[in-house]
Structures are given as structure tokens and as C-alpha cells.
């Protein structure tokens, strides 16, 4: 069902922006740039966008093949978002990535931009929002990711460590509220 809704696009866009946390990832991006040299912003953005779009459209079918309904996945996703939000707010690391050997695709496009939290969020959002609005929000976020990747060194200098920390914590609180809302909206579906 195609129903363009600007409010949905803004809501989904903000959720994805908080989950992807590309601005909060600038220190990680800087570290990857120092370790691996040049980061291909175009390649990383396109691959991350493609991963998100593919998962948006086939993720639900994949779940049905393995016998999981969207409500169960959305509830599980709300827990993942909850822990990501806790990481952002408290400044702790619950999930640790493996050491990377290249930067543009792994770990930048996947799992940093289009990781488990993003995938979970996409399917959770699909249970509440129209697909066309999610697609538009993905495209807008990928454009923003590309811009941030291109300007990451400048943004890091402008915001400083404290500025990045404030942004990360603010979006962590937003993400925590979204996790609670997703849980409340989908937990009833588990008992039907």
C-alpha cells in the first residue's frame, strides 16, 4: 500500500538517524581513516543503502521461512534498540565488533551503518509505517551518511569531543523512547 506521509518520513528518518548514529560514529570513522587510509564515502554509502533496502523488502519473508512473525521480531528489536540506546547514553560498549582489515565496506557499510540495530529497526518500523515512507527515509539517511563521511574530519574539529558526546546522548534518549514505544506496540501481538 503506497501512502506518502511527510510525518512518517520524518519519524522514520529520525529513528534511522538515531540508530545509525553517523555523527556519533565520527571518532570511529576517524580511527578507521587513520588505520586504513582513504575511506570511499560513495562506496560505503551505496552498499549500506543497498543492504538496508534489500533487508526491508526480503527480511520479513526470510523471517517467515524460519518461522518468526514480525511482532516477535519487533519485540526482539525493541530490546536491541534499548541496549544501543543504553550504550549511547551511558557511554559503555555492550556489543564489540571484530577488528577490521578494510574500512569502506566492512566495518563501515556493515555493520557500522547497516548493522544489526538498523536491520532490526527496519523490520520493526515496517510493522508500523508505510514502506514508501521508510524507503524515502532510508534514501535521505544515506545521503546524510554520505555527507557526514565526506566531511567527517571537519565535523570532528567543529563539534569537538564534548559536542559529539552531547549529540550521541541526546539521540540515545530519543532511541530509548522509540524502543519502549516499539515494545508496547508489538508485545500485544505475541499473545494473540
C-alpha atoms as a PDB file:
ATOM      1  CA  UNK A   1       0.000   0.000   0.000  1.00  0.00           C
ATOM      2  CA  UNK A   2       1.561   3.273  -1.140  1.00  0.00           C
ATOM      3  CA  UNK A   3       0.743   6.224   1.078  1.00  0.00           C
ATOM      4  CA  UNK A   4       3.166   9.146   1.140  1.00  0.00           C
ATOM      5  CA  UNK A   5       3.166  10.815   4.559  1.00  0.00           C
ATOM      6  CA  UNK A   6       5.681  13.521   5.479  1.00  0.00           C
ATOM      7  CA  UNK A   7       5.166  12.938   9.215  1.00  0.00           C
ATOM      8  CA  UNK A   8       6.002   9.236   8.803  1.00  0.00           C
ATOM      9  CA  UNK A   9       9.087  10.077   6.727  1.00  0.00           C
ATOM     10  CA  UNK A  10      10.323  12.477   9.421  1.00  0.00           C
ATOM     11  CA  UNK A  11       9.612   9.977  12.217  1.00  0.00           C
ATOM     12  CA  UNK A  12      11.262   7.044  10.431  1.00  0.00           C
ATOM     13  CA  UNK A  13      14.111   9.282   9.303  1.00  0.00           C
ATOM     14  CA  UNK A  14      14.800  10.386  12.875  1.00  0.00           C
ATOM     15  CA  UNK A  15      14.644   6.802  14.140  1.00  0.00           C
ATOM     16  CA  UNK A  16      17.115   5.637  11.493  1.00  0.00           C
ATOM     17  CA  UNK A  17      19.332   8.665  12.111  1.00  0.00           C
ATOM     18  CA  UNK A  18      19.444   7.799  15.820  1.00  0.00           C
ATOM     19  CA  UNK A  19      20.118   4.092  15.191  1.00  0.00           C
ATOM     20  CA  UNK A  20      22.760   4.647  12.511  1.00  0.00           C
ATOM     21  CA  UNK A  21      24.300   7.382  14.706  1.00  0.00           C
ATOM     22  CA  UNK A  22      26.651   8.508  11.946  1.00  0.00           C
ATOM     23  CA  UNK A  23      27.565  11.745  13.741  1.00  0.00           C
ATOM     24  CA  UNK A  24      28.345   9.844  16.942  1.00  0.00           C
ATOM     25  CA  UNK A  25      30.445   7.445  14.868  1.00  0.00           C
ATOM     26  CA  UNK A  26      32.803  10.189  13.663  1.00  0.00           C
ATOM     27  CA  UNK A  27      35.521   9.186  16.180  1.00  0.00           C
ATOM     28  CA  UNK A  28      35.288   5.581  14.893  1.00  0.00           C
ATOM     29  CA  UNK A  29      35.421   6.838  11.288  1.00  0.00           C
ATOM     30  CA  UNK A  30      38.493   8.943  12.106  1.00  0.00           C
ATOM     31  CA  UNK A  31      40.149   5.899  13.673  1.00  0.00           C
ATOM     32  CA  UNK A  32      39.351   3.777  10.591  1.00  0.00           C
ATOM     33  CA  UNK A  33      40.759   6.517   8.354  1.00  0.00           C
ATOM     34  CA  UNK A  34      43.984   6.534  10.398  1.00  0.00           C
ATOM     35  CA  UNK A  35      44.295   2.723  10.291  1.00  0.00           C
ATOM     36  CA  UNK A  36      43.280   2.068   6.682  1.00  0.00           C
ATOM     37  CA  UNK A  37      43.834   5.329   4.821  1.00  0.00           C
ATOM     38  CA  UNK A  38      41.205   6.761   2.469  1.00  0.00           C
ATOM     39  CA  UNK A  39      37.567   5.827   3.093  1.00  0.00           C
ATOM     40  CA  UNK A  40      35.429   5.548  -0.041  1.00  0.00           C
ATOM     41  CA  UNK A  41      32.355   7.508   1.074  1.00  0.00           C
ATOM     42  CA  UNK A  42      30.370   6.750  -2.089  1.00  0.00           C
ATOM     43  CA  UNK A  43      31.012   3.015  -1.917  1.00  0.00           C
ATOM     44  CA  UNK A  44      30.250   2.763   1.815  1.00  0.00           C
ATOM     45  CA  UNK A  45      27.025   4.784   1.465  1.00  0.00           C
ATOM     46  CA  UNK A  46      25.732   2.869  -1.562  1.00  0.00           C
ATOM     47  CA  UNK A  47      26.474  -0.558  -0.061  1.00  0.00           C
ATOM     48  CA  UNK A  48      24.846   0.391   3.267  1.00  0.00           C
ATOM     49  CA  UNK A  49      21.776   1.743   1.453  1.00  0.00           C
ATOM     50  CA  UNK A  50      21.508  -1.390  -0.672  1.00  0.00           C
ATOM     51  CA  UNK A  51      21.783  -3.642   2.388  1.00  0.00           C
ATOM     52  CA  UNK A  52      19.019  -1.697   4.147  1.00  0.00           C
ATOM     53  CA  UNK A  53      16.676  -1.733   1.126  1.00  0.00           C
ATOM     54  CA  UNK A  54      17.187  -5.437   0.463  1.00  0.00           C
ATOM     55  CA  UNK A  55      16.548  -6.293   4.111  1.00  0.00           C
ATOM     56  CA  UNK A  56      13.478  -4.044   4.194  1.00  0.00           C
ATOM     57  CA  UNK A  57      11.908  -5.975   1.307  1.00  0.00           C
ATOM     58  CA  UNK A  58      13.051  -9.564   1.927  1.00  0.00           C
ATOM     59  CA  UNK A  59      13.643  -9.512   5.685  1.00  0.00           C
ATOM     60  CA  UNK A  60      10.039 -10.368   6.522  1.00  0.00           C
ATOM     61  CA  UNK A  61       9.989 -13.250   4.017  1.00  0.00           C
ATOM     62  CA  UNK A  62      13.255 -14.525   5.449  1.00  0.00           C
ATOM     63  CA  UNK A  63      11.746 -14.446   8.940  1.00  0.00           C
ATOM     64  CA  UNK A  64       8.650 -16.339   7.813  1.00  0.00           C
ATOM     65  CA  UNK A  65      10.854 -19.052   6.297  1.00  0.00           C
ATOM     66  CA  UNK A  66      12.453 -19.611   9.693  1.00  0.00           C
ATOM     67  CA  UNK A  67       9.097 -19.318  11.480  1.00  0.00           C
ATOM     68  CA  UNK A  68       9.325 -15.909  13.174  1.00  0.00           C
ATOM     69  CA  UNK A  69       6.486 -13.380  12.916  1.00  0.00           C
ATOM     70  CA  UNK A  70       7.058  -9.617  12.645  1.00  0.00           C
ATOM     71  CA  UNK A  71       5.652  -8.912  16.132  1.00  0.00           C
ATOM     72  CA  UNK A  72       8.201 -11.243  17.720  1.00  0.00           C
ATOM     73  CA  UNK A  73      10.986  -9.680  15.678  1.00  0.00           C
ATOM     74  CA  UNK A  74       9.781  -6.182  16.566  1.00  0.00           C
ATOM     75  CA  UNK A  75       9.760  -7.012  20.288  1.00  0.00           C
ATOM     76  CA  UNK A  76      13.252  -8.511  19.987  1.00  0.00           C
ATOM     77  CA  UNK A  77      14.257  -5.428  18.004  1.00  0.00           C
ATOM     78  CA  UNK A  78      12.987  -3.168  20.758  1.00  0.00           C
ATOM     79  CA  UNK A  79      15.434  -4.880  23.130  1.00  0.00           C
ATOM     80  CA  UNK A  80      18.301  -4.364  20.661  1.00  0.00           C
ATOM     81  CA  UNK A  81      17.368  -0.674  20.325  1.00  0.00           C
ATOM     82  CA  UNK A  82      17.120  -0.433  24.109  1.00  0.00           C
ATOM     83  CA  UNK A  83      20.692  -1.699  24.540  1.00  0.00           C
ATOM     84  CA  UNK A  84      22.017   0.502  21.717  1.00  0.00           C
ATOM     85  CA  UNK A  85      20.376   3.473  23.449  1.00  0.00           C
ATOM     86  CA  UNK A  86      21.977   2.479  26.751  1.00  0.00           C
ATOM     87  CA  UNK A  87      25.365   2.355  25.017  1.00  0.00           C
ATOM     88  CA  UNK A  88      24.787   5.853  23.642  1.00  0.00           C
ATOM     89  CA  UNK A  89      23.505   7.359  26.900  1.00  0.00           C
ATOM     90  CA  UNK A  90      25.885   5.687  29.352  1.00  0.00           C
ATOM     91  CA  UNK A  91      28.958   5.657  27.127  1.00  0.00           C
ATOM     92  CA  UNK A  92      29.502   1.916  27.534  1.00  0.00           C
ATOM     93  CA  UNK A  93      30.116  -0.828  24.974  1.00  0.00           C
ATOM     94  CA  UNK A  94      27.838  -3.858  25.196  1.00  0.00           C
ATOM     95  CA  UNK A  95      28.452  -5.135  21.663  1.00  0.00           C
ATOM     96  CA  UNK A  96      32.005  -5.363  20.359  1.00  0.00           C
ATOM     97  CA  UNK A  97      32.872  -5.654  16.672  1.00  0.00           C
ATOM     98  CA  UNK A  98      35.735  -7.739  15.379  1.00  0.00           C
ATOM     99  CA  UNK A  99      38.873  -5.950  14.202  1.00  0.00           C
ATOM    100  CA  UNK A 100      38.546  -4.823  10.588  1.00  0.00           C
ATOM    101  CA  UNK A 101      41.021  -5.369   7.776  1.00  0.00           C
ATOM    102  CA  UNK A 102      39.407  -2.895   5.352  1.00  0.00           C
ATOM    103  CA  UNK A 103      37.291   0.142   6.020  1.00  0.00           C
ATOM    104  CA  UNK A 104      34.815   1.110   3.288  1.00  0.00           C
ATOM    105  CA  UNK A 105      32.597  -1.976   3.225  1.00  0.00           C
ATOM    106  CA  UNK A 106      33.493  -3.794   6.452  1.00  0.00           C
ATOM    107  CA  UNK A 107      33.108  -2.380   9.099  1.00  0.00           C
ATOM    108  CA  UNK A 108      31.837   0.958   7.759  1.00  0.00           C
ATOM    109  CA  UNK A 109      28.914  -0.028   5.488  1.00  0.00           C
ATOM    110  CA  UNK A 110      28.301  -3.187   7.504  1.00  0.00           C
ATOM    111  CA  UNK A 111      27.953  -3.345  10.500  1.00  0.00           C
ATOM    112  CA  UNK A 112      28.588   0.308  11.472  1.00  0.00           C
ATOM    113  CA  UNK A 113      25.950   1.917   9.205  1.00  0.00           C
ATOM    114  CA  UNK A 114      23.728  -1.029   8.238  1.00  0.00           C
ATOM    115  CA  UNK A 115      24.231  -3.302  11.213  1.00  0.00           C
ATOM    116  CA  UNK A 116      22.030  -5.470  13.390  1.00  0.00           C
ATOM    117  CA  UNK A 117      20.382  -2.472  15.054  1.00  0.00           C
ATOM    118  CA  UNK A 118      19.486  -0.941  11.696  1.00  0.00           C
ATOM    119  CA  UNK A 119      18.102  -4.228  10.341  1.00  0.00           C
ATOM    120  CA  UNK A 120      16.027  -4.805  13.452  1.00  0.00           C
ATOM    121  CA  UNK A 121      14.768  -1.246  13.316  1.00  0.00           C
ATOM    122  CA  UNK A 122      13.745  -1.534   9.656  1.00  0.00           C
ATOM    123  CA  UNK A 123      11.562  -4.579  10.246  1.00  0.00           C
ATOM    124  CA  UNK A 124      10.155  -3.093  13.428  1.00  0.00           C
ATOM    125  CA  UNK A 125       9.295   0.120  11.570  1.00  0.00           C
ATOM    126  CA  UNK A 126       7.771  -1.848   8.711  1.00  0.00           C
ATOM    127  CA  UNK A 127       5.197  -3.204  11.148  1.00  0.00           C
ATOM    128  CA  UNK A 128       4.027   0.377  11.901  1.00  0.00           C
ATOM    129  CA  UNK A 129       4.779   2.582   8.867  1.00  0.00           C
ATOM    130  CA  UNK A 130       4.153   2.516   5.111  1.00  0.00           C
ATOM    131  CA  UNK A 131       7.005   1.039   3.060  1.00  0.00           C
ATOM    132  CA  UNK A 132       7.303   4.020   0.691  1.00  0.00           C
ATOM    133  CA  UNK A 133       7.927   6.351   3.636  1.00  0.00           C
ATOM    134  CA  UNK A 134      10.584   4.009   5.032  1.00  0.00           C
ATOM    135  CA  UNK A 135      12.313   3.851   1.620  1.00  0.00           C
ATOM    136  CA  UNK A 136      12.364   7.655   1.387  1.00  0.00           C
ATOM    137  CA  UNK A 137      13.730   7.884   4.947  1.00  0.00           C
ATOM    138  CA  UNK A 138      16.459   5.346   4.080  1.00  0.00           C
ATOM    139  CA  UNK A 139      17.482   7.340   0.995  1.00  0.00           C
ATOM    140  CA  UNK A 140      17.547  10.601   2.979  1.00  0.00           C
ATOM    141  CA  UNK A 141      19.649   8.969   5.704  1.00  0.00           C
ATOM    142  CA  UNK A 142      22.090   7.521   3.164  1.00  0.00           C
ATOM    143  CA  UNK A 143      22.517  10.987   1.638  1.00  0.00           C
ATOM    144  CA  UNK A 144      23.204  12.322   5.122  1.00  0.00           C
ATOM    145  CA  UNK A 145      25.619   9.442   5.818  1.00  0.00           C
ATOM    146  CA  UNK A 146      27.495  10.266   2.606  1.00  0.00           C
ATOM    147  CA  UNK A 147      27.757  13.955   3.547  1.00  0.00           C
ATOM    148  CA  UNK A 148      28.968  13.123   7.063  1.00  0.00           C
ATOM    149  CA  UNK A 149      31.529  10.622   5.719  1.00  0.00           C
ATOM    150  CA  UNK A 150      32.838  13.227   3.275  1.00  0.00           C
ATOM    151  CA  UNK A 151      33.012  15.934   5.955  1.00  0.00           C
ATOM    152  CA  UNK A 152      33.826  13.762   8.993  1.00  0.00           C
ATOM    153  CA  UNK A 153      37.220  15.366   9.692  1.00  0.00           C
ATOM    154  CA  UNK A 154      35.740  18.887   9.558  1.00  0.00           C
ATOM    155  CA  UNK A 155      32.705  17.922  11.691  1.00  0.00           C
ATOM    156  CA  UNK A 156      35.004  16.334  14.259  1.00  0.00           C
ATOM    157  CA  UNK A 157      37.004  19.565  14.549  1.00  0.00           C
ATOM    158  CA  UNK A 158      33.897  21.801  14.724  1.00  0.00           C
ATOM    159  CA  UNK A 159      31.946  19.795  17.310  1.00  0.00           C
ATOM    160  CA  UNK A 160      34.855  18.557  19.354  1.00  0.00           C
ATOM    161  CA  UNK A 161      34.732  15.564  21.655  1.00  0.00           C
ATOM    162  CA  UNK A 162      32.203  17.174  24.015  1.00  0.00           C
ATOM    163  CA  UNK A 163      29.841  18.205  21.199  1.00  0.00           C
ATOM    164  CA  UNK A 164      29.855  14.700  19.742  1.00  0.00           C
ATOM    165  CA  UNK A 165      29.154  13.295  23.197  1.00  0.00           C
ATOM    166  CA  UNK A 166      26.140  15.569  23.709  1.00  0.00           C
ATOM    167  CA  UNK A 167      24.685  14.620  20.304  1.00  0.00           C
ATOM    168  CA  UNK A 168      25.213  10.930  20.973  1.00  0.00           C
ATOM    169  CA  UNK A 169      23.498  11.088  24.378  1.00  0.00           C
ATOM    170  CA  UNK A 170      20.571  13.166  23.065  1.00  0.00           C
ATOM    171  CA  UNK A 171      19.878  10.672  20.302  1.00  0.00           C
ATOM    172  CA  UNK A 172      20.312   7.852  22.810  1.00  0.00           C
ATOM    173  CA  UNK A 173      17.389   9.204  24.843  1.00  0.00           C
ATOM    174  CA  UNK A 174      15.277   9.505  21.668  1.00  0.00           C
ATOM    175  CA  UNK A 175      16.195   5.942  20.726  1.00  0.00           C
ATOM    176  CA  UNK A 176      15.308   4.687  24.214  1.00  0.00           C
ATOM    177  CA  UNK A 177      11.830   6.221  23.913  1.00  0.00           C
ATOM    178  CA  UNK A 178      11.425   4.637  20.470  1.00  0.00           C
ATOM    179  CA  UNK A 179      12.430   1.227  21.870  1.00  0.00           C
ATOM    180  CA  UNK A 180       9.770   1.496  24.584  1.00  0.00           C
ATOM    181  CA  UNK A 181       7.146   2.525  22.004  1.00  0.00           C
ATOM    182  CA  UNK A 182       8.049  -0.378  19.670  1.00  0.00           C
ATOM    183  CA  UNK A 183       7.847  -2.827  22.564  1.00  0.00           C
ATOM    184  CA  UNK A 184       4.458  -1.514  23.716  1.00  0.00           C
ATOM    185  CA  UNK A 185       3.023  -1.528  20.182  1.00  0.00           C
ATOM    186  CA  UNK A 186       4.111  -5.081  19.346  1.00  0.00           C
ATOM    187  CA  UNK A 187       4.053  -7.039  22.608  1.00  0.00           C
ATOM    188  CA  UNK A 188       0.262  -7.492  22.355  1.00  0.00           C
ATOM    189  CA  UNK A 189       0.773  -9.340  19.051  1.00  0.00           C
ATOM    190  CA  UNK A 190       2.704 -12.072  20.847  1.00  0.00           C
ATOM    191  CA  UNK A 191      -0.365 -13.134  22.809  1.00  0.00           C
ATOM    192  CA  UNK A 192      -2.933 -13.184  20.001  1.00  0.00           C
END
